């Protein structure tokens, strides 16, 4: 399957079918995704290991194993690993287009646009 390294961690695509994609995502300690949104997909996150803070819209929620986060299409979001171990989550995407280029970034710790 598709694997990719990012400055904040890494991910692996576990399954992809029409209208859905499932990823295993690992966020390194102290790192976070871009503050971003997607125009064509929603996401569901299930936290497997680690601890962090999920931002969805104007809300920030502390997360740990078993936490479930709903990210509606078009909503800004970010995951931040606040722990000392990797934060592992399963992300399930739903939408008509699931390409990695469907990202609008608002803030990024690594200078990406």
N, C-alpha and C. Protein backbone atom coordinates (compact mmCIF):
# COMPACT_ATOMS: atom_id res chain seq x y z
N UNK A 1 0.83 -1.19 0.00
CA UNK A 1 0.00 0.00 0.00
C UNK A 1 0.88 1.26 0.00
N UNK A 2 0.25 2.40 -0.10
CA UNK A 2 0.91 3.69 -0.20
C UNK A 2 1.40 4.16 1.18
N UNK A 3 2.71 4.44 1.29
CA UNK A 3 3.30 4.97 2.52
C UNK A 3 3.95 6.31 2.19
N UNK A 4 3.99 7.19 3.19
CA UNK A 4 4.63 8.49 2.96
C UNK A 4 5.16 9.03 4.28
N UNK A 5 6.33 9.65 4.21
CA UNK A 5 6.94 10.35 5.34
C UNK A 5 6.61 11.83 5.21
N UNK A 6 6.29 12.44 6.32
CA UNK A 6 6.03 13.87 6.38
C UNK A 6 6.90 14.47 7.48
N UNK A 7 7.07 15.79 7.53
CA UNK A 7 7.90 16.37 8.59
C UNK A 7 7.36 16.11 10.00
N UNK A 8 6.06 15.91 10.12
CA UNK A 8 5.40 15.69 11.41
C UNK A 8 5.27 14.21 11.78
N UNK A 9 5.51 13.31 10.82
CA UNK A 9 5.33 11.88 11.08
C UNK A 9 5.25 11.10 9.79
N UNK A 10 4.34 10.11 9.76
CA UNK A 10 4.20 9.29 8.57
C UNK A 10 2.80 8.69 8.52
N UNK A 11 2.44 8.19 7.32
CA UNK A 11 1.16 7.51 7.19
C UNK A 11 1.28 6.36 6.20
N UNK A 12 0.32 5.46 6.30
CA UNK A 12 0.21 4.33 5.39
C UNK A 12 -1.26 4.17 5.02
N UNK A 13 -1.54 4.07 3.73
CA UNK A 13 -2.91 3.79 3.28
C UNK A 13 -3.16 2.31 3.48
N UNK A 14 -4.18 1.99 4.27
CA UNK A 14 -4.52 0.61 4.57
C UNK A 14 -5.53 0.04 3.58
N UNK A 15 -6.43 0.89 3.11
CA UNK A 15 -7.50 0.43 2.23
C UNK A 15 -8.05 1.63 1.46
N UNK A 16 -8.36 1.43 0.18
CA UNK A 16 -9.02 2.48 -0.60
C UNK A 16 -10.02 1.84 -1.53
N UNK A 17 -11.24 2.34 -1.47
CA UNK A 17 -12.32 1.91 -2.35
C UNK A 17 -13.06 3.15 -2.80
N UNK A 18 -14.03 3.00 -3.68
CA UNK A 18 -14.78 4.14 -4.18
C UNK A 18 -15.39 4.93 -3.03
N UNK A 19 -14.99 6.20 -2.91
CA UNK A 19 -15.57 7.09 -1.91
C UNK A 19 -15.02 6.99 -0.51
N UNK A 20 -14.02 6.12 -0.27
CA UNK A 20 -13.46 5.99 1.07
C UNK A 20 -11.99 5.57 1.02
N UNK A 21 -11.23 6.07 1.98
CA UNK A 21 -9.82 5.70 2.13
C UNK A 21 -9.53 5.60 3.63
N UNK A 22 -8.77 4.58 4.03
CA UNK A 22 -8.41 4.39 5.43
C UNK A 22 -6.89 4.44 5.57
N UNK A 23 -6.42 5.27 6.52
CA UNK A 23 -4.98 5.43 6.76
C UNK A 23 -4.63 5.14 8.21
N UNK A 24 -3.42 4.64 8.42
CA UNK A 24 -2.80 4.59 9.74
C UNK A 24 -1.82 5.76 9.76
N UNK A 25 -1.99 6.67 10.71
CA UNK A 25 -1.18 7.87 10.79
C UNK A 25 -0.42 7.88 12.11
N UNK A 26 0.87 8.21 12.03
CA UNK A 26 1.70 8.34 13.22
C UNK A 26 2.24 9.76 13.28
N UNK A 27 1.96 10.45 14.40
CA UNK A 27 2.44 11.81 14.61
C UNK A 27 3.54 11.75 15.66
N UNK A 28 4.71 12.25 15.32
CA UNK A 28 5.86 12.19 16.23
C UNK A 28 5.64 13.08 17.45
N UNK A 29 6.29 12.74 18.58
CA UNK A 29 6.16 13.55 19.80
C UNK A 29 6.47 15.03 19.55
N UNK A 30 5.58 15.89 20.04
CA UNK A 30 5.77 17.33 19.91
C UNK A 30 5.43 17.90 18.55
N UNK A 31 5.05 17.08 17.59
CA UNK A 31 4.74 17.55 16.23
C UNK A 31 3.24 17.66 16.03
N UNK A 32 2.86 18.36 14.96
CA UNK A 32 1.45 18.52 14.62
C UNK A 32 1.29 18.69 13.12
N UNK A 33 0.11 18.31 12.63
CA UNK A 33 -0.25 18.55 11.23
C UNK A 33 -0.36 20.05 10.99
N UNK A 34 -0.50 20.42 9.74
CA UNK A 34 -0.91 21.78 9.38
C UNK A 34 -2.31 22.03 9.92
N UNK A 35 -2.62 23.30 10.18
CA UNK A 35 -4.01 23.70 10.38
C UNK A 35 -4.58 23.79 8.97
N UNK A 36 -5.56 22.94 8.65
CA UNK A 36 -5.97 22.75 7.26
C UNK A 36 -7.45 22.43 7.16
N UNK A 37 -7.92 22.41 5.92
CA UNK A 37 -9.27 21.91 5.64
C UNK A 37 -9.24 21.22 4.29
N UNK A 38 -10.28 20.44 4.04
CA UNK A 38 -10.46 19.74 2.77
C UNK A 38 -11.79 20.18 2.16
N UNK A 39 -11.78 20.41 0.88
CA UNK A 39 -12.99 20.88 0.18
C UNK A 39 -13.91 19.72 -0.23
N UNK A 40 -13.35 18.51 -0.35
CA UNK A 40 -14.12 17.44 -0.97
C UNK A 40 -14.23 16.17 -0.13
N UNK A 41 -13.82 16.23 1.13
CA UNK A 41 -13.92 15.03 1.97
C UNK A 41 -14.11 15.38 3.44
N UNK A 42 -14.73 14.44 4.14
CA UNK A 42 -14.80 14.48 5.60
C UNK A 42 -13.87 13.40 6.12
N UNK A 43 -13.55 13.46 7.42
CA UNK A 43 -12.66 12.48 8.03
C UNK A 43 -13.18 12.09 9.40
N UNK A 44 -12.92 10.86 9.77
CA UNK A 44 -13.17 10.34 11.12
C UNK A 44 -11.84 9.87 11.65
N UNK A 45 -11.48 10.26 12.87
CA UNK A 45 -10.22 9.85 13.49
C UNK A 45 -10.52 8.99 14.72
N UNK A 46 -9.82 7.89 14.85
CA UNK A 46 -9.88 7.06 16.05
C UNK A 46 -8.46 6.98 16.60
N UNK A 47 -8.27 7.44 17.82
CA UNK A 47 -6.94 7.45 18.43
C UNK A 47 -6.65 6.05 18.97
N UNK A 48 -5.51 5.49 18.55
CA UNK A 48 -5.11 4.15 18.97
C UNK A 48 -4.11 4.19 20.12
N UNK A 49 -3.10 5.05 20.00
CA UNK A 49 -2.02 5.15 20.99
C UNK A 49 -1.62 6.61 21.15
N UNK A 50 -1.15 6.96 22.32
CA UNK A 50 -0.60 8.30 22.54
C UNK A 50 -1.64 9.28 23.05
N UNK A 51 -1.21 10.53 23.12
CA UNK A 51 -2.08 11.59 23.61
C UNK A 51 -1.81 12.86 22.83
N UNK A 52 -2.83 13.70 22.76
CA UNK A 52 -2.65 14.93 22.01
C UNK A 52 -3.84 15.86 22.15
N UNK A 53 -3.84 16.84 21.27
CA UNK A 53 -4.94 17.80 21.19
C UNK A 53 -5.42 17.84 19.75
N UNK A 54 -6.72 17.59 19.58
CA UNK A 54 -7.35 17.69 18.26
C UNK A 54 -8.04 19.05 18.18
N UNK A 55 -7.79 19.75 17.09
CA UNK A 55 -8.50 21.00 16.80
C UNK A 55 -9.46 20.73 15.66
N UNK A 56 -10.74 21.05 15.86
CA UNK A 56 -11.75 20.96 14.81
C UNK A 56 -12.59 22.23 14.93
N UNK A 57 -12.52 23.07 13.90
CA UNK A 57 -13.19 24.36 13.98
C UNK A 57 -12.56 25.19 15.09
N UNK A 58 -13.38 25.74 15.96
CA UNK A 58 -12.90 26.55 17.07
C UNK A 58 -12.66 25.74 18.35
N UNK A 59 -12.93 24.43 18.29
CA UNK A 59 -12.80 23.59 19.49
C UNK A 59 -11.46 22.86 19.53
N UNK A 60 -10.91 22.76 20.73
CA UNK A 60 -9.73 21.93 20.98
C UNK A 60 -10.11 20.89 22.02
N UNK A 61 -9.78 19.63 21.73
CA UNK A 61 -10.17 18.52 22.60
C UNK A 61 -8.94 17.68 22.89
N UNK A 62 -8.71 17.37 24.17
CA UNK A 62 -7.65 16.43 24.53
C UNK A 62 -8.07 15.03 24.11
N UNK A 63 -7.13 14.28 23.50
CA UNK A 63 -7.45 12.94 23.02
C UNK A 63 -6.44 11.93 23.55
N UNK A 64 -6.89 10.69 23.62
CA UNK A 64 -6.06 9.56 24.01
C UNK A 64 -6.66 8.30 23.41
N UNK A 65 -6.11 7.14 23.73
CA UNK A 65 -6.61 5.90 23.15
C UNK A 65 -8.12 5.75 23.33
N UNK A 66 -8.80 5.45 22.22
CA UNK A 66 -10.25 5.29 22.21
C UNK A 66 -11.01 6.55 21.86
N UNK A 67 -10.34 7.70 21.80
CA UNK A 67 -11.03 8.94 21.42
C UNK A 67 -11.45 8.87 19.96
N UNK A 68 -12.58 9.47 19.66
CA UNK A 68 -13.13 9.51 18.30
C UNK A 68 -13.39 10.96 17.94
N UNK A 69 -12.88 11.40 16.80
CA UNK A 69 -13.04 12.79 16.36
C UNK A 69 -13.68 12.80 14.98
N UNK A 70 -14.71 13.63 14.81
CA UNK A 70 -15.40 13.80 13.54
C UNK A 70 -14.96 15.13 12.91
N UNK A 71 -14.44 15.07 11.68
CA UNK A 71 -13.99 16.27 10.97
C UNK A 71 -14.89 16.45 9.74
N UNK A 72 -15.89 17.33 9.82
CA UNK A 72 -16.78 17.54 8.68
C UNK A 72 -16.04 18.14 7.48
N UNK A 73 -16.56 17.89 6.31
CA UNK A 73 -16.00 18.47 5.08
C UNK A 73 -15.98 19.99 5.20
N UNK A 74 -14.85 20.59 4.85
CA UNK A 74 -14.71 22.05 4.86
C UNK A 74 -14.35 22.65 6.21
N UNK A 75 -14.24 21.84 7.27
CA UNK A 75 -13.92 22.36 8.61
C UNK A 75 -12.40 22.36 8.82
N UNK A 76 -11.87 23.43 9.42
CA UNK A 76 -10.44 23.45 9.73
C UNK A 76 -10.15 22.43 10.82
N UNK A 77 -8.95 21.83 10.75
CA UNK A 77 -8.60 20.80 11.72
C UNK A 77 -7.09 20.63 11.80
N UNK A 78 -6.68 20.00 12.92
CA UNK A 78 -5.26 19.72 13.16
C UNK A 78 -5.17 18.70 14.29
N UNK A 79 -4.14 17.87 14.25
CA UNK A 79 -3.82 16.98 15.37
C UNK A 79 -2.44 17.33 15.86
N UNK A 80 -2.29 17.45 17.19
CA UNK A 80 -1.02 17.82 17.82
C UNK A 80 -0.67 16.74 18.83
N UNK A 81 0.49 16.13 18.70
CA UNK A 81 0.96 15.14 19.67
C UNK A 81 1.61 15.89 20.82
N UNK A 82 0.99 15.84 21.98
CA UNK A 82 1.51 16.53 23.17
C UNK A 82 2.28 15.60 24.08
N UNK A 83 2.38 14.33 23.70
CA UNK A 83 3.04 13.34 24.54
C UNK A 83 4.50 13.12 24.18
N UNK A 84 5.09 12.11 24.82
CA UNK A 84 6.50 11.77 24.59
C UNK A 84 6.66 10.52 23.72
N UNK A 85 5.55 9.92 23.35
CA UNK A 85 5.53 8.74 22.47
C UNK A 85 4.76 9.09 21.21
N UNK A 86 4.93 8.32 20.13
CA UNK A 86 4.14 8.58 18.93
C UNK A 86 2.63 8.51 19.21
N UNK A 87 1.89 9.39 18.56
CA UNK A 87 0.43 9.36 18.59
C UNK A 87 0.00 8.62 17.32
N UNK A 88 -0.75 7.54 17.46
CA UNK A 88 -1.19 6.74 16.32
C UNK A 88 -2.70 6.83 16.21
N UNK A 89 -3.17 7.14 15.02
CA UNK A 89 -4.60 7.21 14.78
C UNK A 89 -4.95 6.53 13.47
N UNK A 90 -6.19 6.09 13.40
CA UNK A 90 -6.75 5.59 12.15
C UNK A 90 -7.64 6.69 11.62
N UNK A 91 -7.43 7.06 10.35
CA UNK A 91 -8.23 8.09 9.70
C UNK A 91 -9.03 7.43 8.59
N UNK A 92 -10.34 7.65 8.62
CA UNK A 92 -11.21 7.16 7.54
C UNK A 92 -11.76 8.38 6.83
N UNK A 93 -11.47 8.46 5.53
CA UNK A 93 -11.92 9.59 4.70
C UNK A 93 -13.13 9.16 3.89
N UNK A 94 -14.07 10.12 3.70
CA UNK A 94 -15.25 9.88 2.88
C UNK A 94 -15.42 11.06 1.93
N UNK A 95 -15.63 10.78 0.64
CA UNK A 95 -15.87 11.86 -0.31
C UNK A 95 -15.71 11.39 -1.73
N UNK A 96 -16.07 12.29 -2.66
CA UNK A 96 -15.97 11.98 -4.09
C UNK A 96 -14.54 12.05 -4.59
N UNK A 97 -13.69 12.85 -3.90
CA UNK A 97 -12.29 12.98 -4.28
C UNK A 97 -11.45 12.87 -3.02
N UNK A 98 -10.46 11.97 -3.02
CA UNK A 98 -9.67 11.70 -1.83
C UNK A 98 -8.17 11.93 -2.04
N UNK A 99 -7.81 12.73 -3.04
CA UNK A 99 -6.41 13.00 -3.34
C UNK A 99 -5.74 13.85 -2.27
N UNK A 100 -4.42 13.67 -2.13
CA UNK A 100 -3.64 14.42 -1.14
C UNK A 100 -3.56 15.91 -1.49
N UNK A 101 -3.90 16.29 -2.71
CA UNK A 101 -3.85 17.71 -3.08
C UNK A 101 -5.12 18.47 -2.70
N UNK A 102 -6.07 17.82 -2.02
CA UNK A 102 -7.27 18.49 -1.53
C UNK A 102 -7.01 19.04 -0.12
N UNK A 103 -5.97 19.82 0.01
CA UNK A 103 -5.61 20.42 1.30
C UNK A 103 -5.46 21.92 1.10
N UNK A 104 -6.16 22.68 1.94
CA UNK A 104 -5.97 24.12 2.03
C UNK A 104 -5.32 24.36 3.39
N UNK A 105 -4.07 24.82 3.40
CA UNK A 105 -3.34 25.04 4.65
C UNK A 105 -3.49 26.49 5.12
N UNK A 106 -3.69 26.66 6.43
CA UNK A 106 -3.80 27.97 7.05
C UNK A 106 -2.56 28.30 7.89
N UNK A 107 -2.01 27.29 8.56
CA UNK A 107 -0.76 27.43 9.33
C UNK A 107 0.01 26.14 9.16
N UNK A 108 1.34 26.26 9.09
CA UNK A 108 2.17 25.07 8.96
C UNK A 108 3.51 25.31 9.63
N UNK A 109 3.90 24.40 10.52
CA UNK A 109 5.15 24.52 11.25
C UNK A 109 6.38 24.29 10.37
N UNK A 110 6.18 23.80 9.15
CA UNK A 110 7.29 23.41 8.28
C UNK A 110 7.36 24.25 7.00
N UNK A 111 6.63 25.36 6.94
CA UNK A 111 6.72 26.29 5.82
C UNK A 111 6.05 25.82 4.55
N UNK A 112 5.20 24.80 4.64
CA UNK A 112 4.51 24.33 3.43
C UNK A 112 3.30 25.22 3.15
N UNK A 113 2.95 25.35 1.89
CA UNK A 113 1.80 26.15 1.46
C UNK A 113 0.66 25.26 1.04
